[in-house]
Amino acid sequence: MVASCQPPEVGYISDNIHALEDTISVPRGVFKIGAAPAIEGSTYPLKWEITGVTDAQGNTTNDLFDEYELLTWKAAFNADTDTTLALVEEKLELGNFPTILINEVSGELAFTQASKFVTDNDIYKINVKASNIRGEKQLDEFVIVKLQDFQPVEFPTEMRSRLQLGKGNGAYDIAYTSTIMNDFDDGVPGVLDGTHPYITVTKISEEPALGVKVKMIISDSYGAALNPEKVVFYPSGAEYLQNYHDNSIETTVDATGSTFSLPAPPFPQFGRTYGSGTNSYLMYYLTSDDAFTVDKAAFEADNGPKDWTPYIDPDTGEIRNRAYIRWGIKINDSGTWEIKMKIPYTKIKE
């Protein structure tokens, strides 16, 4: 009789709410979102908040709450619709932001580019509180955050500098390919310090301070820059494979290369969707068939004798060839960058 007078319990909050990631690794200077926590049947809606942060030794710290001025993207850049600087700027927000944020509804943690300025510690423990109609749970050391070194340039996918030899009727063989596979490729240090024989990515100016400019230079194997008019889009049916021109608002061209611009990094941002999905870092170009001559002597000195007969154009007596250009980088830092690709065993055609 007494039990029947008790009001029914309303709602449920689990004792086993937990993060799906024990440790979130966050590259400094890069926007990243963590996984939503597991709420184990707790009643919606839940409200989430960060209640404190400690360092690896358990000392309370405000490192992740200190705010810095950032120009951030509110929505992704879309080359098909964001055709003017004014339209792009509508997607940008200049303001003061901390390193860590939390979605009050989902519990997802987000990390902003302000992490680039956090240098005192690498390891942080995050305390959070979850509450709903039933009550609240204080969840200390809910997740560990490990800040990694800032990577101004990432290598998320394979890129290639390739010389192709033409057999006529649009058919090509691969003569030689220089590749960078990923961030762990042994060639990455040379790409960044300018000593790689075929592919380099170097920062040449701190300006623009908030935006990013990227000059693409395609050259022969001796470093002589090719006229950018001879660098062409890679055809794909009636369209073209994705390219850096799709990632630029104010592209300019001079005698040595094409310069692409976005008002804020990262660059590139936009990628075409294919049957295998979207990869916004693969960018493709070719060169016209009158761009280069093949340096046979240099090729055979490195690779041994070769029968060039299948590739000789009967009308000109020259070796048919073109470059296959595939970039696979992500630039996270502002400023002006130069990306240069030398095409193996080529000379600029006089």
Protein backbone atom coordinates (compact mmCIF):
# COMPACT_ATOMS: atom_id res chain seq x y z
CA MET A 1 0.00 0.00 0.00
CA VAL A 2 2.85 2.39 0.84
CA ALA A 3 4.68 1.43 -2.36
CA SER A 4 1.65 2.20 -4.46
CA CYS A 5 1.73 5.80 -3.25
CA GLN A 6 5.30 6.40 -4.49
CA PRO A 7 5.48 8.44 -7.74
CA PRO A 8 7.06 6.54 -10.64
CA GLU A 9 10.69 7.28 -11.41
CA VAL A 10 11.12 9.66 -14.31
CA GLY A 11 14.00 9.27 -16.73
CA TYR A 12 17.25 7.36 -16.44
CA ILE A 13 20.92 8.33 -16.26
CA SER A 14 23.43 5.53 -16.52
CA ASP A 15 26.38 4.95 -14.20
CA ASN A 16 28.31 3.75 -17.25
CA ILE A 17 28.38 6.83 -19.48
CA HIS A 18 31.81 6.75 -21.07
CA ALA A 19 33.95 8.13 -23.87
CA LEU A 20 34.43 5.97 -26.95
CA GLU A 21 38.02 7.19 -27.17
CA ASP A 22 40.25 6.86 -24.13
CA THR A 23 42.72 9.24 -25.76
CA ILE A 24 42.06 11.80 -28.48
CA SER A 25 45.17 12.66 -30.47
CA VAL A 26 44.93 16.22 -31.76
CA PRO A 27 47.44 17.66 -34.21
CA ARG A 28 48.13 21.22 -33.08
CA GLY A 29 46.66 23.90 -35.30
CA VAL A 30 44.07 21.63 -36.92
CA PHE A 31 40.32 21.62 -36.31
CA LYS A 32 39.20 18.20 -35.08
CA ILE A 33 36.02 16.69 -33.64
CA GLY A 34 36.04 13.71 -31.27
CA ALA A 35 33.52 10.89 -31.15
CA ALA A 36 30.21 11.32 -29.31
CA PRO A 37 30.20 9.55 -25.91
CA ALA A 38 28.27 6.35 -25.20
CA ILE A 39 25.29 7.23 -22.96
CA GLU A 40 24.18 3.63 -22.33
CA GLY A 41 20.43 4.20 -22.52
CA SER A 42 20.35 7.46 -20.58
CA THR A 43 17.25 9.55 -21.23
CA TYR A 44 17.46 12.29 -23.83
CA PRO A 45 18.00 15.17 -23.88
CA LEU A 46 21.34 15.27 -22.11
CA LYS A 47 23.27 18.44 -21.42
CA TRP A 48 27.07 18.31 -21.47
CA GLU A 49 29.62 20.71 -20.05
CA ILE A 50 33.34 20.77 -19.36
CA THR A 51 33.94 21.20 -15.64
CA GLY A 52 37.72 21.35 -15.64
CA VAL A 53 41.02 20.39 -17.24
CA THR A 54 44.15 19.07 -15.58
CA ASP A 55 47.62 18.38 -16.90
CA ALA A 56 49.33 14.99 -16.79
CA GLN A 57 50.33 15.57 -13.15
CA GLY A 58 46.77 16.41 -12.09
CA ASN A 59 47.29 20.16 -11.81
CA THR A 60 44.34 22.34 -12.80
CA THR A 61 45.11 24.39 -15.91
CA ASN A 62 43.42 26.92 -18.18
CA ASP A 63 45.70 26.15 -21.14
CA LEU A 64 42.83 24.84 -23.26
CA PHE A 65 40.49 27.69 -22.29
CA ASP A 66 42.82 30.60 -23.21
CA GLU A 67 41.40 32.35 -26.27
CA TYR A 68 43.21 33.42 -29.44
CA GLU A 69 42.07 35.30 -32.52
CA LEU A 70 41.26 32.88 -35.34
CA LEU A 71 39.69 33.03 -38.76
CA THR A 72 37.59 29.88 -38.87
CA TRP A 73 35.33 28.20 -41.39
CA LYS A 74 31.67 27.97 -40.37
CA ALA A 75 30.93 25.77 -43.38
CA ALA A 76 33.06 23.98 -45.96
CA PHE A 77 34.19 25.76 -49.11
CA ASN A 78 32.28 24.64 -52.21
CA ALA A 79 33.81 25.46 -55.57
CA ASP A 80 30.49 25.00 -57.38
CA THR A 81 28.68 27.70 -55.37
CA ASP A 82 31.33 29.86 -53.67
CA THR A 83 32.41 31.66 -56.80
CA THR A 84 33.33 35.06 -55.35
CA LEU A 85 35.36 36.27 -52.41
CA ALA A 86 32.23 37.83 -50.91
CA LEU A 87 30.42 34.47 -50.93
CA VAL A 88 33.40 32.74 -49.35
CA GLU A 89 33.74 35.36 -46.63
CA GLU A 90 30.16 34.60 -45.57
CA LYS A 91 31.47 31.20 -44.48
CA LEU A 92 34.28 32.66 -42.37
CA GLU A 93 34.23 33.98 -38.83
CA LEU A 94 36.94 36.08 -37.20
CA GLY A 95 36.84 35.83 -33.43
CA ASN A 96 38.48 34.71 -30.22
CA PHE A 97 38.32 30.97 -29.58
CA PRO A 98 39.71 28.54 -26.99
CA THR A 99 41.35 25.27 -27.94
CA ILE A 100 38.57 23.06 -26.59
CA LEU A 101 34.80 23.24 -27.08
CA ILE A 102 31.98 20.83 -26.28
CA ASN A 103 28.70 20.27 -28.03
CA GLU A 104 26.16 20.68 -25.20
CA VAL A 105 23.71 18.30 -26.90
CA SER A 106 25.89 15.48 -28.26
CA GLY A 107 28.86 15.65 -25.89
CA GLU A 108 31.31 15.73 -28.79
CA LEU A 109 34.55 17.54 -28.03
CA ALA A 110 35.94 19.86 -30.68
CA PHE A 111 39.46 21.26 -30.92
CA THR A 112 40.19 24.49 -32.75
CA GLN A 113 43.27 25.84 -34.47
CA ALA A 114 44.07 27.69 -31.20
CA SER A 115 45.84 24.49 -30.11
CA LYS A 116 48.80 25.74 -32.14
CA PHE A 117 49.46 28.26 -29.36
CA VAL A 118 49.33 25.72 -26.50
CA THR A 119 52.96 24.87 -25.83
CA ASP A 120 53.33 24.22 -22.08
CA ASN A 121 52.03 20.65 -22.07
CA ASP A 122 51.10 17.84 -24.43
CA ILE A 123 48.80 15.75 -22.20
CA TYR A 124 45.52 16.99 -20.71
CA LYS A 125 42.73 15.22 -18.80
CA ILE A 126 39.20 16.48 -19.39
CA ASN A 127 36.49 16.49 -16.70
CA VAL A 128 32.89 16.74 -17.88
CA LYS A 129 29.38 16.66 -16.48
CA ALA A 130 26.33 15.07 -18.09
CA SER A 131 22.83 15.87 -16.85
CA ASN A 132 19.25 15.10 -17.81
CA ILE A 133 15.79 15.03 -16.24
CA ARG A 134 16.90 12.33 -13.81
CA GLY A 135 20.00 14.02 -12.46
CA GLU A 136 23.65 14.53 -13.28
CA LYS A 137 26.93 12.63 -13.40
CA GLN A 138 30.32 14.17 -12.77
CA LEU A 139 32.83 12.33 -14.98
CA ASP A 140 36.38 13.16 -13.97
CA GLU A 141 39.23 12.29 -16.32
CA PHE A 142 36.57 11.44 -18.89
CA VAL A 143 39.05 11.52 -21.74
CA ILE A 144 42.74 12.22 -22.25
CA VAL A 145 43.80 14.71 -24.92
CA LYS A 146 47.23 14.33 -26.47
CA LEU A 147 48.38 17.38 -28.42
CA GLN A 148 50.71 16.47 -31.26
CA ASP A 149 53.19 18.67 -33.10
CA PHE A 150 51.74 21.25 -35.46
CA GLN A 151 52.04 19.99 -39.03
CA PRO A 152 52.01 22.93 -41.44
CA VAL A 153 51.87 20.38 -44.26
CA GLU A 154 50.29 16.93 -44.19
CA PHE A 155 50.67 14.13 -46.73
CA PRO A 156 47.37 12.25 -46.42
CA THR A 157 47.61 10.34 -49.70
CA GLU A 158 50.05 9.30 -52.41
CA MET A 159 51.31 11.86 -54.89
CA ARG A 160 53.25 11.23 -58.07
CA SER A 161 55.53 12.98 -60.52
CA ARG A 162 55.49 10.78 -63.61
CA LEU A 163 56.91 10.78 -67.12
CA GLN A 164 54.66 8.98 -69.59
CA LEU A 165 55.73 7.82 -73.05
CA GLY A 166 53.18 7.98 -75.87
CA LYS A 167 52.53 5.00 -78.14
CA GLY A 168 50.08 6.86 -80.36
CA ASN A 169 46.27 6.84 -80.44
CA GLY A 170 46.13 8.16 -76.87
CA ALA A 171 47.98 5.21 -75.32
CA TYR A 172 50.81 5.84 -72.83
CA ASP A 173 53.35 3.75 -70.94
CA ILE A 174 54.93 4.71 -67.63
CA ALA A 175 58.59 5.62 -68.04
CA TYR A 176 59.39 6.71 -64.48
CA THR A 177 57.47 7.77 -61.36
CA SER A 178 58.64 9.57 -58.24
CA THR A 179 56.22 9.15 -55.33
CA ILE A 180 55.56 10.36 -51.82
CA MET A 181 53.24 7.86 -50.17
CA ASN A 182 52.14 9.48 -46.89
CA ASP A 183 53.33 11.35 -43.79
CA PHE A 184 55.74 8.52 -42.97
CA ASP A 185 57.51 8.43 -46.33
CA ASP A 186 61.30 8.78 -46.02
CA GLY A 187 61.18 11.49 -48.68
CA VAL A 188 58.98 13.90 -46.68
CA PRO A 189 61.86 15.84 -45.03
CA GLY A 190 63.33 16.52 -48.47
CA VAL A 191 59.97 17.68 -49.79
CA LEU A 192 59.72 20.21 -46.96
CA ASP A 193 63.31 21.50 -47.02
CA GLY A 194 63.50 21.72 -50.80
CA THR A 195 66.06 18.97 -51.38
CA HIS A 196 63.80 16.26 -52.83
CA PRO A 197 64.79 15.65 -56.48
CA TYR A 198 61.26 15.96 -57.90
CA ILE A 199 58.69 17.31 -55.40
CA THR A 200 59.06 20.26 -52.99
CA VAL A 201 56.59 22.16 -50.76
CA THR A 202 58.10 25.23 -49.12
CA LYS A 203 56.78 28.30 -47.32
CA ILE A 204 58.22 31.46 -48.82
CA SER A 205 56.35 34.21 -46.93
CA GLU A 206 54.29 34.74 -43.76
CA GLU A 207 51.85 36.85 -45.77
CA PRO A 208 48.92 36.66 -46.02
CA ALA A 209 48.74 36.38 -42.24
CA LEU A 210 45.27 34.78 -42.20
CA GLY A 211 44.84 33.51 -45.74
CA VAL A 212 46.83 31.14 -47.90
CA LYS A 213 48.40 31.49 -51.35
CA VAL A 214 49.90 28.51 -53.17
CA LYS A 215 51.98 28.85 -56.32
CA MET A 216 52.20 25.68 -58.41
CA ILE A 217 55.28 25.40 -60.59
CA ILE A 218 55.77 22.52 -63.01
CA SER A 219 59.28 22.24 -64.40
CA ASP A 220 61.58 19.97 -66.34
CA SER A 221 64.01 17.76 -64.46
CA TYR A 222 66.60 20.58 -64.45
CA GLY A 223 64.25 23.04 -62.75
CA ALA A 224 63.31 25.18 -65.76
CA ALA A 225 59.69 26.28 -65.21
CA LEU A 226 57.12 25.28 -67.77
CA ASN A 227 54.72 27.86 -69.17
CA PRO A 228 51.52 27.19 -67.18
CA GLU A 229 49.54 27.24 -70.43
CA LYS A 230 51.05 23.82 -71.10
CA VAL A 231 49.76 22.45 -67.78
CA VAL A 232 46.26 21.17 -68.52
CA PHE A 233 43.33 19.64 -66.65
CA TYR A 234 43.05 15.84 -66.59
CA PRO A 235 39.97 14.93 -68.68
CA SER A 236 37.34 12.62 -67.23
CA GLY A 237 34.55 12.11 -69.72
CA ALA A 238 32.92 15.48 -70.33
CA GLU A 239 34.48 16.93 -67.15
CA TYR A 240 37.86 17.02 -65.42
CA LEU A 241 39.39 15.36 -62.41
CA GLN A 242 39.63 17.58 -59.33
CA ASN A 243 42.32 20.23 -59.39
CA TYR A 244 43.67 23.20 -57.46
CA HIS A 245 41.76 25.64 -59.65
CA ASP A 246 38.62 24.35 -57.89
CA ASN A 247 40.16 25.38 -54.57
CA SER A 248 40.93 28.98 -55.43
CA ILE A 249 39.03 32.25 -55.47
CA GLU A 250 41.51 34.53 -57.21
CA THR A 251 43.82 32.41 -59.38
CA THR A 252 46.61 34.35 -61.07
CA VAL A 253 49.06 33.17 -63.71
CA ASP A 254 52.52 34.39 -64.63
CA ALA A 255 55.27 33.00 -66.85
CA THR A 256 56.35 30.36 -64.34
CA GLY A 257 53.23 29.11 -62.58
CA SER A 258 49.68 29.44 -61.29
CA THR A 259 48.94 30.96 -57.87
CA PHE A 260 45.84 29.83 -55.99
CA SER A 261 44.21 31.71 -53.10
CA LEU A 262 41.85 31.03 -50.20
CA PRO A 263 41.12 33.54 -47.42
CA ALA A 264 41.87 30.92 -44.74
CA PRO A 265 43.54 27.50 -44.59
CA PRO A 266 43.39 24.55 -44.91
CA PHE A 267 44.23 24.22 -48.59
CA PRO A 268 42.86 22.43 -50.54
CA GLN A 269 39.33 22.09 -49.18
CA PHE A 270 37.15 21.08 -52.08
CA GLY A 271 37.11 17.66 -53.75
CA ARG A 272 34.94 16.16 -56.45
CA THR A 273 32.86 13.11 -55.55
CA TYR A 274 33.59 9.98 -57.54
CA GLY A 275 32.36 6.40 -57.32
CA SER A 276 34.98 5.64 -54.68
CA GLY A 277 34.04 8.66 -52.56
CA THR A 278 35.52 12.09 -51.97
CA ASN A 279 39.22 12.74 -51.44
CA SER A 280 39.83 16.46 -51.18
CA TYR A 281 43.63 16.16 -51.34
CA LEU A 282 44.15 14.37 -54.66
CA MET A 283 44.67 16.98 -57.39
CA TYR A 284 45.40 16.06 -60.99
CA TYR A 285 47.00 17.70 -64.03
CA LEU A 286 48.71 16.66 -67.26
CA THR A 287 51.04 18.50 -69.60
CA SER A 288 50.42 19.03 -73.27
CA ASP A 289 52.38 16.82 -75.65
CA ASP A 290 54.54 19.76 -76.81
CA ALA A 291 55.80 20.66 -73.32
CA PHE A 292 58.94 18.50 -73.00
CA THR A 293 61.51 16.47 -74.83
CA VAL A 294 62.76 13.29 -73.18
CA ASP A 295 66.32 13.33 -71.83
CA LYS A 296 67.30 9.91 -73.15
CA ALA A 297 70.92 10.17 -72.03
CA ALA A 298 69.98 10.92 -68.43
CA PHE A 299 67.34 8.20 -68.39
CA GLU A 300 69.69 5.50 -69.69
CA ALA A 301 72.50 6.62 -67.39
CA ASP A 302 70.23 5.88 -64.43
CA ASN A 303 68.11 3.01 -65.74
CA GLY A 304 70.10 1.30 -68.46
CA PRO A 305 69.50 1.01 -72.24
CA LYS A 306 65.93 1.34 -73.50
CA ASP A 307 64.21 0.66 -76.80
CA TRP A 308 62.60 3.97 -77.67
CA THR A 309 61.19 2.78 -81.00
CA PRO A 310 57.53 2.31 -79.89
CA TYR A 311 57.40 5.94 -78.78
CA ILE A 312 58.89 7.70 -81.78
CA ASP A 313 56.47 9.98 -83.63
CA PRO A 314 56.87 9.04 -87.31
CA ASP A 315 56.06 12.59 -88.40
CA THR A 316 58.60 14.39 -86.19
CA GLY A 317 61.09 11.71 -85.21
CA GLU A 318 60.69 12.80 -81.56
CA ILE A 319 59.64 10.77 -78.52
CA ARG A 320 55.99 11.29 -77.67
CA ASN A 321 55.58 12.15 -73.99
CA ARG A 322 53.64 14.00 -71.35
CA ALA A 323 53.70 14.48 -67.57
CA TYR A 324 51.19 12.93 -65.20
CA ILE A 325 50.89 15.21 -62.14
CA ARG A 326 49.18 14.05 -58.97
CA TRP A 327 49.37 16.12 -55.79
CA GLY A 328 48.39 14.76 -52.36
CA ILE A 329 49.06 17.39 -49.71
CA LYS A 330 47.13 19.42 -47.15
CA ILE A 331 48.47 22.85 -46.11
CA ASN A 332 47.29 23.86 -42.62
CA ASP A 333 49.27 27.08 -42.24
CA SER A 334 48.65 30.57 -43.57
CA GLY A 335 51.13 32.48 -45.71
CA THR A 336 52.49 32.01 -49.22
CA TRP A 337 53.65 28.57 -50.32
CA GLU A 338 55.45 27.26 -53.36
CA ILE A 339 54.71 23.73 -54.53
CA LYS A 340 57.03 22.59 -57.28
CA MET A 341 57.10 19.39 -59.24
CA LYS A 342 59.97 18.47 -61.55
CA ILE A 343 59.07 15.91 -64.20
CA PRO A 344 61.69 13.13 -64.38
CA TYR A 345 64.03 12.93 -67.38
CA THR A 346 62.62 15.89 -69.27
CA LYS A 347 63.82 19.14 -70.82
CA ILE A 348 61.67 22.10 -71.73
CA LYS A 349 60.89 21.84 -75.44
CA GLU A 350 62.45 24.71 -77.35
